């Protein structure tokens, strides 16, 4: 049984900003960005332990999934009840995020 994938409000805003930026620069590119994210979200949901640990915290480690086509990183935690996406951001914009 797979766990639900929950996306934080902050991550949703980051996704929307990136989508709008890509669409404003090239029609259809934002849709390709969202399709790539959906593909990686499904991979994370199906195999939450697949990606490396970026940082350990008290409860659950934070894991890191680097998108292949776009320069974005997904940070998430794999808790007992769900997989929680914490952030989705451009890899060169917030290096200490």
PDB file of N, CA and C in Angstrom:
ATOM      1  N   UNK A   1       0.828  -1.183   0.000  1.00  0.00           N
ATOM      2  CA  UNK A   1       0.000   0.000   0.000  1.00  0.00           C
ATOM      3  C   UNK A   1       0.878   1.254   0.000  1.00  0.00           C
ATOM      4  N   UNK A   2       0.643   2.126  -0.961  1.00  0.00           N
ATOM      5  CA  UNK A   2       1.427   3.353  -1.006  1.00  0.00           C
ATOM      6  C   UNK A   2       0.820   4.411  -0.088  1.00  0.00           C
ATOM      7  N   UNK A   3       1.687   5.247   0.418  1.00  0.00           N
ATOM      8  CA  UNK A   3       1.258   6.331   1.302  1.00  0.00           C
ATOM      9  C   UNK A   3       0.851   7.542   0.461  1.00  0.00           C
ATOM     10  N   UNK A   4      -0.016   8.396   1.005  1.00  0.00           N
ATOM     11  CA  UNK A   4      -0.376   9.604   0.263  1.00  0.00           C
ATOM     12  C   UNK A   4       0.820  10.556   0.156  1.00  0.00           C
ATOM     13  N   UNK A   5       0.850  11.283  -0.942  1.00  0.00           N
ATOM     14  CA  UNK A   5       1.866  12.303  -1.158  1.00  0.00           C
ATOM     15  C   UNK A   5       1.232  13.657  -0.852  1.00  0.00           C
ATOM     16  N   UNK A   6       1.804  14.360   0.120  1.00  0.00           N
ATOM     17  CA  UNK A   6       1.278  15.673   0.500  1.00  0.00           C
ATOM     18  C   UNK A   6       2.298  16.733   0.099  1.00  0.00           C
ATOM     19  N   UNK A   7       1.812  17.815  -0.497  1.00  0.00           N
ATOM     20  CA  UNK A   7       2.684  18.897  -0.948  1.00  0.00           C
ATOM     21  C   UNK A   7       2.405  20.133  -0.092  1.00  0.00           C
ATOM     22  N   UNK A   8       3.439  20.677   0.507  1.00  0.00           N
ATOM     23  CA  UNK A   8       3.277  21.853   1.362  1.00  0.00           C
ATOM     24  C   UNK A   8       2.825  23.055   0.543  1.00  0.00           C
ATOM     25  N   UNK A   9       2.215  24.015   1.215  1.00  0.00           N
ATOM     26  CA  UNK A   9       1.781  25.252   0.551  1.00  0.00           C
ATOM     27  C   UNK A   9       2.973  25.974  -0.069  1.00  0.00           C
ATOM     28  N   UNK A  10       4.094  25.984   0.630  1.00  0.00           N
ATOM     29  CA  UNK A  10       5.295  26.633   0.112  1.00  0.00           C
ATOM     30  C   UNK A  10       5.757  25.978  -1.178  1.00  0.00           C
ATOM     31  N   UNK A  11       5.751  24.641  -1.196  1.00  0.00           N
ATOM     32  CA  UNK A  11       6.156  23.923  -2.405  1.00  0.00           C
ATOM     33  C   UNK A  11       5.179  24.185  -3.547  1.00  0.00           C
ATOM     34  N   UNK A  12       3.886  24.245  -3.234  1.00  0.00           N
ATOM     35  CA  UNK A  12       2.893  24.544  -4.271  1.00  0.00           C
ATOM     36  C   UNK A  12       3.143  25.917  -4.890  1.00  0.00           C
ATOM     37  N   UNK A  13       3.489  26.899  -4.064  1.00  0.00           N
ATOM     38  CA  UNK A  13       3.790  28.237  -4.576  1.00  0.00           C
ATOM     39  C   UNK A  13       5.055  28.243  -5.427  1.00  0.00           C
ATOM     40  N   UNK A  14       6.057  27.494  -5.007  1.00  0.00           N
ATOM     41  CA  UNK A  14       7.290  27.391  -5.787  1.00  0.00           C
ATOM     42  C   UNK A  14       7.020  26.744  -7.145  1.00  0.00           C
ATOM     43  N   UNK A  15       6.176  25.734  -7.162  1.00  0.00           N
ATOM     44  CA  UNK A  15       5.817  25.052  -8.410  1.00  0.00           C
ATOM     45  C   UNK A  15       5.063  26.008  -9.329  1.00  0.00           C
ATOM     46  N   UNK A  16       4.117  26.743  -8.774  1.00  0.00           N
ATOM     47  CA  UNK A  16       3.338  27.698  -9.561  1.00  0.00           C
ATOM     48  C   UNK A  16       4.235  28.788 -10.143  1.00  0.00           C
ATOM     49  N   UNK A  17       5.133  29.326  -9.344  1.00  0.00           N
ATOM     50  CA  UNK A  17       6.058  30.356  -9.835  1.00  0.00           C
ATOM     51  C   UNK A  17       6.906  29.835 -10.992  1.00  0.00           C
ATOM     52  N   UNK A  18       7.435  28.631 -10.836  1.00  0.00           N
ATOM     53  CA  UNK A  18       8.263  28.045 -11.896  1.00  0.00           C
ATOM     54  C   UNK A  18       7.432  27.780 -13.148  1.00  0.00           C
ATOM     55  N   UNK A  19       6.241  27.245 -12.966  1.00  0.00           N
ATOM     56  CA  UNK A  19       5.350  26.978 -14.097  1.00  0.00           C
ATOM     57  C   UNK A  19       5.072  28.261 -14.879  1.00  0.00           C
ATOM     58  N   UNK A  20       4.696  29.320 -14.165  1.00  0.00           N
ATOM     59  CA  UNK A  20       4.384  30.594 -14.815  1.00  0.00           C
ATOM     60  C   UNK A  20       5.605  31.169 -15.524  1.00  0.00           C
ATOM     61  N   UNK A  21       6.771  31.051 -14.915  1.00  0.00           N
ATOM     62  CA  UNK A  21       7.982  31.555 -15.545  1.00  0.00           C
ATOM     63  C   UNK A  21       8.275  30.795 -16.836  1.00  0.00           C
ATOM     64  N   UNK A  22       8.219  29.461 -16.780  1.00  0.00           N
ATOM     65  CA  UNK A  22       8.487  28.660 -17.980  1.00  0.00           C
ATOM     66  C   UNK A  22       7.465  28.943 -19.077  1.00  0.00           C
ATOM     67  N   UNK A  23       6.198  29.043 -18.712  1.00  0.00           N
ATOM     68  CA  UNK A  23       5.157  29.321 -19.705  1.00  0.00           C
ATOM     69  C   UNK A  23       5.337  30.699 -20.334  1.00  0.00           C
ATOM     70  N   UNK A  24       5.762  31.682 -19.555  1.00  0.00           N
ATOM     71  CA  UNK A  24       5.943  33.034 -20.095  1.00  0.00           C
ATOM     72  C   UNK A  24       7.128  33.108 -21.053  1.00  0.00           C
ATOM     73  N   UNK A  25       8.074  32.190 -20.901  1.00  0.00           N
ATOM     74  CA  UNK A  25       9.247  32.179 -21.772  1.00  0.00           C
ATOM     75  C   UNK A  25       9.075  31.316 -23.012  1.00  0.00           C
ATOM     76  N   UNK A  26       8.256  30.278 -22.902  1.00  0.00           N
ATOM     77  CA  UNK A  26       8.021  29.389 -24.043  1.00  0.00           C
ATOM     78  C   UNK A  26       6.726  28.615 -23.800  1.00  0.00           C
ATOM     79  N   UNK A  27       5.733  28.873 -24.612  1.00  0.00           N
ATOM     80  CA  UNK A  27       4.435  28.222 -24.449  1.00  0.00           C
ATOM     81  C   UNK A  27       4.606  26.702 -24.475  1.00  0.00           C
ATOM     82  N   UNK A  28       4.057  26.051 -23.476  1.00  0.00           N
ATOM     83  CA  UNK A  28       4.135  24.597 -23.366  1.00  0.00           C
ATOM     84  C   UNK A  28       5.255  24.114 -22.466  1.00  0.00           C
ATOM     85  N   UNK A  29       6.244  24.967 -22.210  1.00  0.00           N
ATOM     86  CA  UNK A  29       7.372  24.543 -21.374  1.00  0.00           C
ATOM     87  C   UNK A  29       6.947  24.355 -19.919  1.00  0.00           C
ATOM     88  N   UNK A  30       6.018  25.189 -19.463  1.00  0.00           N
ATOM     89  CA  UNK A  30       5.486  25.032 -18.113  1.00  0.00           C
ATOM     90  C   UNK A  30       4.772  23.704 -17.950  1.00  0.00           C
ATOM     91  N   UNK A  31       4.053  23.297 -18.988  1.00  0.00           N
ATOM     92  CA  UNK A  31       3.363  21.996 -18.949  1.00  0.00           C
ATOM     93  C   UNK A  31       4.371  20.853 -18.902  1.00  0.00           C
ATOM     94  N   UNK A  32       5.469  20.996 -19.622  1.00  0.00           N
ATOM     95  CA  UNK A  32       6.514  19.971 -19.582  1.00  0.00           C
ATOM     96  C   UNK A  32       7.146  19.907 -18.195  1.00  0.00           C
ATOM     97  N   UNK A  33       7.309  21.084 -17.572  1.00  0.00           N
ATOM     98  CA  UNK A  33       7.844  21.138 -16.207  1.00  0.00           C
ATOM     99  C   UNK A  33       6.923  20.395 -15.243  1.00  0.00           C
ATOM    100  N   UNK A  34       5.623  20.684 -15.333  1.00  0.00           N
ATOM    101  CA  UNK A  34       4.661  20.000 -14.457  1.00  0.00           C
ATOM    102  C   UNK A  34       4.626  18.497 -14.725  1.00  0.00           C
ATOM    103  N   UNK A  35       4.745  18.100 -15.983  1.00  0.00           N
ATOM    104  CA  UNK A  35       4.750  16.670 -16.315  1.00  0.00           C
ATOM    105  C   UNK A  35       5.969  15.983 -15.699  1.00  0.00           C
ATOM    106  N   UNK A  36       7.121  16.649 -15.760  1.00  0.00           N
ATOM    107  CA  UNK A  36       8.330  16.090 -15.153  1.00  0.00           C
ATOM    108  C   UNK A  36       8.176  15.982 -13.635  1.00  0.00           C
ATOM    109  N   UNK A  37       7.586  17.014 -13.026  1.00  0.00           N
ATOM    110  CA  UNK A  37       7.333  16.962 -11.583  1.00  0.00           C
ATOM    111  C   UNK A  37       6.396  15.809 -11.233  1.00  0.00           C
ATOM    112  N   UNK A  38       5.323  15.673 -11.987  1.00  0.00           N
ATOM    113  CA  UNK A  38       4.360  14.592 -11.728  1.00  0.00           C
ATOM    114  C   UNK A  38       5.027  13.232 -11.808  1.00  0.00           C
ATOM    115  N   UNK A  39       5.886  13.075 -12.788  1.00  0.00           N
ATOM    116  CA  UNK A  39       6.624  11.813 -12.955  1.00  0.00           C
ATOM    117  C   UNK A  39       7.501  11.540 -11.731  1.00  0.00           C
ATOM    118  N   UNK A  40       8.209  12.570 -11.264  1.00  0.00           N
ATOM    119  CA  UNK A  40       9.073  12.392 -10.092  1.00  0.00           C
ATOM    120  C   UNK A  40       8.264  12.219  -8.812  1.00  0.00           C
ATOM    121  N   UNK A  41       7.132  12.925  -8.695  1.00  0.00           N
ATOM    122  CA  UNK A  41       6.273  12.736  -7.526  1.00  0.00           C
ATOM    123  C   UNK A  41       5.778  11.296  -7.453  1.00  0.00           C
ATOM    124  N   UNK A  42       5.414  10.731  -8.592  1.00  0.00           N
ATOM    125  CA  UNK A  42       4.953   9.337  -8.622  1.00  0.00           C
ATOM    126  C   UNK A  42       6.081   8.392  -8.205  1.00  0.00           C
ATOM    127  N   UNK A  43       7.282   8.675  -8.686  1.00  0.00           N
ATOM    128  CA  UNK A  43       8.453   7.861  -8.314  1.00  0.00           C
ATOM    129  C   UNK A  43       8.701   7.950  -6.807  1.00  0.00           C
ATOM    130  N   UNK A  44       8.634   9.148  -6.266  1.00  0.00           N
ATOM    131  CA  UNK A  44       8.832   9.353  -4.825  1.00  0.00           C
ATOM    132  C   UNK A  44       7.748   8.628  -4.036  1.00  0.00           C
ATOM    133  N   UNK A  45       6.521   8.749  -4.488  1.00  0.00           N
ATOM    134  CA  UNK A  45       5.404   8.101  -3.795  1.00  0.00           C
ATOM    135  C   UNK A  45       5.548   6.577  -3.815  1.00  0.00           C
ATOM    136  N   UNK A  46       5.920   6.018  -4.962  1.00  0.00           N
ATOM    137  CA  UNK A  46       6.040   4.561  -5.086  1.00  0.00           C
ATOM    138  C   UNK A  46       7.281   4.000  -4.409  1.00  0.00           C
ATOM    139  N   UNK A  47       8.363   4.768  -4.428  1.00  0.00           N
ATOM    140  CA  UNK A  47       9.642   4.309  -3.872  1.00  0.00           C
ATOM    141  C   UNK A  47      10.272   5.414  -3.016  1.00  0.00           C
ATOM    142  N   UNK A  48       9.665   5.752  -1.873  1.00  0.00           N
ATOM    143  CA  UNK A  48      10.143   6.889  -1.080  1.00  0.00           C
ATOM    144  C   UNK A  48      11.572   6.756  -0.562  1.00  0.00           C
ATOM    145  N   UNK A  49      12.095   5.550  -0.474  1.00  0.00           N
ATOM    146  CA  UNK A  49      13.465   5.356   0.024  1.00  0.00           C
ATOM    147  C   UNK A  49      14.509   5.391  -1.092  1.00  0.00           C
ATOM    148  N   UNK A  50      14.068   5.576  -2.309  1.00  0.00           N
ATOM    149  CA  UNK A  50      14.956   5.516  -3.473  1.00  0.00           C
ATOM    150  C   UNK A  50      15.996   6.628  -3.497  1.00  0.00           C
ATOM    151  N   UNK A  51      15.611   7.822  -3.093  1.00  0.00           N
ATOM    152  CA  UNK A  51      16.489   8.971  -3.232  1.00  0.00           C
ATOM    153  C   UNK A  51      17.331   9.191  -1.978  1.00  0.00           C
ATOM    154  N   UNK A  52      18.501   9.828  -2.140  1.00  0.00           N
ATOM    155  CA  UNK A  52      19.426   9.958  -1.008  1.00  0.00           C
ATOM    156  C   UNK A  52      18.932  10.916   0.073  1.00  0.00           C
ATOM    157  N   UNK A  53      19.460  10.699   1.253  1.00  0.00           N
ATOM    158  CA  UNK A  53      19.161  11.581   2.382  1.00  0.00           C
ATOM    159  C   UNK A  53      20.024  12.827   2.251  1.00  0.00           C
ATOM    160  N   UNK A  54      19.371  13.961   2.343  1.00  0.00           N
ATOM    161  CA  UNK A  54      20.068  15.243   2.257  1.00  0.00           C
ATOM    162  C   UNK A  54      20.458  15.737   3.649  1.00  0.00           C
ATOM    163  N   UNK A  55      19.529  15.576   4.582  1.00  0.00           N
ATOM    164  CA  UNK A  55      19.747  16.077   5.942  1.00  0.00           C
ATOM    165  C   UNK A  55      18.916  15.259   6.913  1.00  0.00           C
ATOM    166  N   UNK A  56      19.481  14.988   8.055  1.00  0.00           N
ATOM    167  CA  UNK A  56      18.733  14.270   9.086  1.00  0.00           C
ATOM    168  C   UNK A  56      18.168  15.269  10.091  1.00  0.00           C
ATOM    169  N   UNK A  57      16.931  15.048  10.501  1.00  0.00           N
ATOM    170  CA  UNK A  57      16.352  15.850  11.580  1.00  0.00           C
ATOM    171  C   UNK A  57      15.915  14.903  12.684  1.00  0.00           C
ATOM    172  N   UNK A  58      15.265  15.416  13.700  1.00  0.00           N
ATOM    173  CA  UNK A  58      14.917  14.594  14.860  1.00  0.00           C
ATOM    174  C   UNK A  58      13.957  13.453  14.517  1.00  0.00           C
ATOM    175  N   UNK A  59      12.977  13.727  13.657  1.00  0.00           N
ATOM    176  CA  UNK A  59      11.952  12.719  13.386  1.00  0.00           C
ATOM    177  C   UNK A  59      12.243  11.901  12.131  1.00  0.00           C
ATOM    178  N   UNK A  60      12.314  12.581  11.005  1.00  0.00           N
ATOM    179  CA  UNK A  60      12.489  11.878   9.733  1.00  0.00           C
ATOM    180  C   UNK A  60      13.561  12.575   8.904  1.00  0.00           C
ATOM    181  N   UNK A  61      14.362  11.818   8.189  1.00  0.00           N
ATOM    182  CA  UNK A  61      15.366  12.438   7.327  1.00  0.00           C
ATOM    183  C   UNK A  61      14.698  13.195   6.171  1.00  0.00           C
ATOM    184  N   UNK A  62      15.373  14.223   5.699  1.00  0.00           N
ATOM    185  CA  UNK A  62      14.930  14.955   4.525  1.00  0.00           C
ATOM    186  C   UNK A  62      15.665  14.360   3.332  1.00  0.00           C
ATOM    187  N   UNK A  63      14.898  13.949   2.334  1.00  0.00           N
ATOM    188  CA  UNK A  63      15.490  13.337   1.150  1.00  0.00           C
ATOM    189  C   UNK A  63      15.437  14.298  -0.023  1.00  0.00           C
ATOM    190  N   UNK A  64      16.275  14.016  -1.021  1.00  0.00           N
ATOM    191  CA  UNK A  64      16.490  14.949  -2.122  1.00  0.00           C
ATOM    192  C   UNK A  64      16.343  14.225  -3.454  1.00  0.00           C
ATOM    193  N   UNK A  65      15.478  14.764  -4.310  1.00  0.00           N
ATOM    194  CA  UNK A  65      15.289  14.228  -5.659  1.00  0.00           C
ATOM    195  C   UNK A  65      15.605  15.340  -6.650  1.00  0.00           C
ATOM    196  N   UNK A  66      16.612  15.142  -7.475  1.00  0.00           N
ATOM    197  CA  UNK A  66      17.003  16.126  -8.482  1.00  0.00           C
ATOM    198  C   UNK A  66      16.306  15.775  -9.788  1.00  0.00           C
ATOM    199  N   UNK A  67      15.580  16.748 -10.335  1.00  0.00           N
ATOM    200  CA  UNK A  67      14.916  16.520 -11.616  1.00  0.00           C
ATOM    201  C   UNK A  67      15.966  16.373 -12.708  1.00  0.00           C
ATOM    202  N   UNK A  68      15.667  15.550 -13.695  1.00  0.00           N
ATOM    203  CA  UNK A  68      16.621  15.283 -14.768  1.00  0.00           C
ATOM    204  C   UNK A  68      16.558  16.330 -15.876  1.00  0.00           C
ATOM    205  N   UNK A  69      15.368  16.812 -16.183  1.00  0.00           N
ATOM    206  CA  UNK A  69      15.187  17.701 -17.333  1.00  0.00           C
ATOM    207  C   UNK A  69      15.272  19.172 -16.944  1.00  0.00           C
ATOM    208  N   UNK A  70      14.803  19.525 -15.775  1.00  0.00           N
ATOM    209  CA  UNK A  70      14.790  20.903 -15.309  1.00  0.00           C
ATOM    210  C   UNK A  70      15.700  21.033 -14.096  1.00  0.00           C
ATOM    211  N   UNK A  71      16.313  22.219 -13.892  1.00  0.00           N
ATOM    212  CA  UNK A  71      17.250  22.381 -12.773  1.00  0.00           C
ATOM    213  C   UNK A  71      16.542  22.637 -11.448  1.00  0.00           C
ATOM    214  N   UNK A  72      15.724  21.692 -11.035  1.00  0.00           N
ATOM    215  CA  UNK A  72      14.965  21.814  -9.795  1.00  0.00           C
ATOM    216  C   UNK A  72      15.224  20.620  -8.901  1.00  0.00           C
ATOM    217  N   UNK A  73      15.049  20.849  -7.598  1.00  0.00           N
ATOM    218  CA  UNK A  73      15.242  19.815  -6.588  1.00  0.00           C
ATOM    219  C   UNK A  73      13.966  19.712  -5.762  1.00  0.00           C
ATOM    220  N   UNK A  74      13.567  18.488  -5.477  1.00  0.00           N
ATOM    221  CA  UNK A  74      12.423  18.225  -4.601  1.00  0.00           C
ATOM    222  C   UNK A  74      12.989  17.720  -3.280  1.00  0.00           C
ATOM    223  N   UNK A  75      12.615  18.387  -2.188  1.00  0.00           N
ATOM    224  CA  UNK A  75      12.970  17.909  -0.854  1.00  0.00           C
ATOM    225  C   UNK A  75      11.708  17.361  -0.208  1.00  0.00           C
ATOM    226  N   UNK A  76      11.822  16.188   0.394  1.00  0.00           N
ATOM    227  CA  UNK A  76      10.656  15.549   1.000  1.00  0.00           C
ATOM    228  C   UNK A  76      11.068  14.717   2.202  1.00  0.00           C
ATOM    229  N   UNK A  77      10.073  14.407   3.035  1.00  0.00           N
ATOM    230  CA  UNK A  77      10.303  13.499   4.151  1.00  0.00           C
ATOM    231  C   UNK A  77       9.328  12.331   4.023  1.00  0.00           C
ATOM    232  N   UNK A  78       9.788  11.193   4.445  1.00  0.00           N
ATOM    233  CA  UNK A  78       9.024   9.957   4.360  1.00  0.00           C
ATOM    234  C   UNK A  78       8.627   9.553   5.778  1.00  0.00           C
ATOM    235  N   UNK A  79       7.443   9.979   6.201  1.00  0.00           N
ATOM    236  CA  UNK A  79       6.989   9.657   7.550  1.00  0.00           C
ATOM    237  C   UNK A  79       6.222   8.330   7.547  1.00  0.00           C
ATOM    238  N   UNK A  80       5.744   7.935   8.683  1.00  0.00           N
ATOM    239  CA  UNK A  80       5.036   6.665   8.784  1.00  0.00           C
ATOM    240  C   UNK A  80       3.715   6.668   8.025  1.00  0.00           C
ATOM    241  N   UNK A  81       3.054   7.823   7.959  1.00  0.00           N
ATOM    242  CA  UNK A  81       1.726   7.895   7.355  1.00  0.00           C
ATOM    243  C   UNK A  81       1.683   8.513   5.967  1.00  0.00           C
ATOM    244  N   UNK A  82       2.711   9.300   5.611  1.00  0.00           N
ATOM    245  CA  UNK A  82       2.671   9.990   4.322  1.00  0.00           C
ATOM    246  C   UNK A  82       4.077  10.337   3.839  1.00  0.00           C
ATOM    247  N   UNK A  83       4.137  10.744   2.593  1.00  0.00           N
ATOM    248  CA  UNK A  83       5.352  11.297   2.019  1.00  0.00           C
ATOM    249  C   UNK A  83       5.061  12.782   1.831  1.00  0.00           C
ATOM    250  N   UNK A  84       5.848  13.629   2.480  1.00  0.00           N
ATOM    251  CA  UNK A  84       5.565  15.062   2.509  1.00  0.00           C
ATOM    252  C   UNK A  84       6.610  15.845   1.720  1.00  0.00           C
ATOM    253  N   UNK A  85       6.159  16.497   0.656  1.00  0.00           N
ATOM    254  CA  UNK A  85       7.038  17.355  -0.135  1.00  0.00           C
ATOM    255  C   UNK A  85       7.163  18.681   0.608  1.00  0.00           C
ATOM    256  N   UNK A  86       8.378  19.032   0.942  1.00  0.00           N
ATOM    257  CA  UNK A  86       8.649  20.223   1.732  1.00  0.00           C
ATOM    258  C   UNK A  86       8.951  21.418   0.825  1.00  0.00           C
ATOM    259  N   UNK A  87       9.733  21.180  -0.226  1.00  0.00           N
ATOM    260  CA  UNK A  87      10.139  22.274  -1.103  1.00  0.00           C
ATOM    261  C   UNK A  87      10.433  21.750  -2.501  1.00  0.00           C
ATOM    262  N   UNK A  88      10.214  22.629  -3.477  1.00  0.00           N
ATOM    263  CA  UNK A  88      10.591  22.379  -4.868  1.00  0.00           C
ATOM    264  C   UNK A  88      11.204  23.689  -5.343  1.00  0.00           C
ATOM    265  N   UNK A  89      12.510  23.691  -5.594  1.00  0.00           N
ATOM    266  CA  UNK A  89      13.112  24.969  -5.960  1.00  0.00           C
ATOM    267  C   UNK A  89      14.218  24.818  -6.989  1.00  0.00           C
ATOM    268  N   UNK A  90      14.513  25.921  -7.634  1.00  0.00           N
ATOM    269  CA  UNK A  90      15.566  25.982  -8.645  1.00  0.00           C
ATOM    270  C   UNK A  90      16.904  25.775  -7.961  1.00  0.00           C
ATOM    271  N   UNK A  91      17.717  24.891  -8.483  1.00  0.00           N
ATOM    272  CA  UNK A  91      18.938  24.491  -7.817  1.00  0.00           C
ATOM    273  C   UNK A  91      19.984  25.604  -7.705  1.00  0.00           C
ATOM    274  N   UNK A  92      19.914  26.632  -8.529  1.00  0.00           N
ATOM    275  CA  UNK A  92      20.910  27.688  -8.421  1.00  0.00           C
ATOM    276  C   UNK A  92      20.385  28.943  -7.722  1.00  0.00           C
ATOM    277  N   UNK A  93      19.129  28.946  -7.316  1.00  0.00           N
ATOM    278  CA  UNK A  93      18.555  30.144  -6.711  1.00  0.00           C
ATOM    279  C   UNK A  93      18.752  30.215  -5.200  1.00  0.00           C
ATOM    280  N   UNK A  94      18.569  29.107  -4.509  1.00  0.00           N
ATOM    281  CA  UNK A  94      18.630  29.119  -3.037  1.00  0.00           C
ATOM    282  C   UNK A  94      19.568  28.018  -2.560  1.00  0.00           C
ATOM    283  N   UNK A  95      20.856  28.184  -2.751  1.00  0.00           N
ATOM    284  CA  UNK A  95      21.761  27.084  -2.405  1.00  0.00           C
ATOM    285  C   UNK A  95      21.769  26.690  -0.931  1.00  0.00           C
ATOM    286  N   UNK A  96      21.411  27.583  -0.013  1.00  0.00           N
ATOM    287  CA  UNK A  96      21.413  27.260   1.409  1.00  0.00           C
ATOM    288  C   UNK A  96      20.013  27.044   1.937  1.00  0.00           C
ATOM    289  N   UNK A  97      19.046  26.841   1.066  1.00  0.00           N
ATOM    290  CA  UNK A  97      17.640  26.705   1.422  1.00  0.00           C
ATOM    291  C   UNK A  97      17.409  25.513   2.316  1.00  0.00           C
TER     292      UNK A  97
END
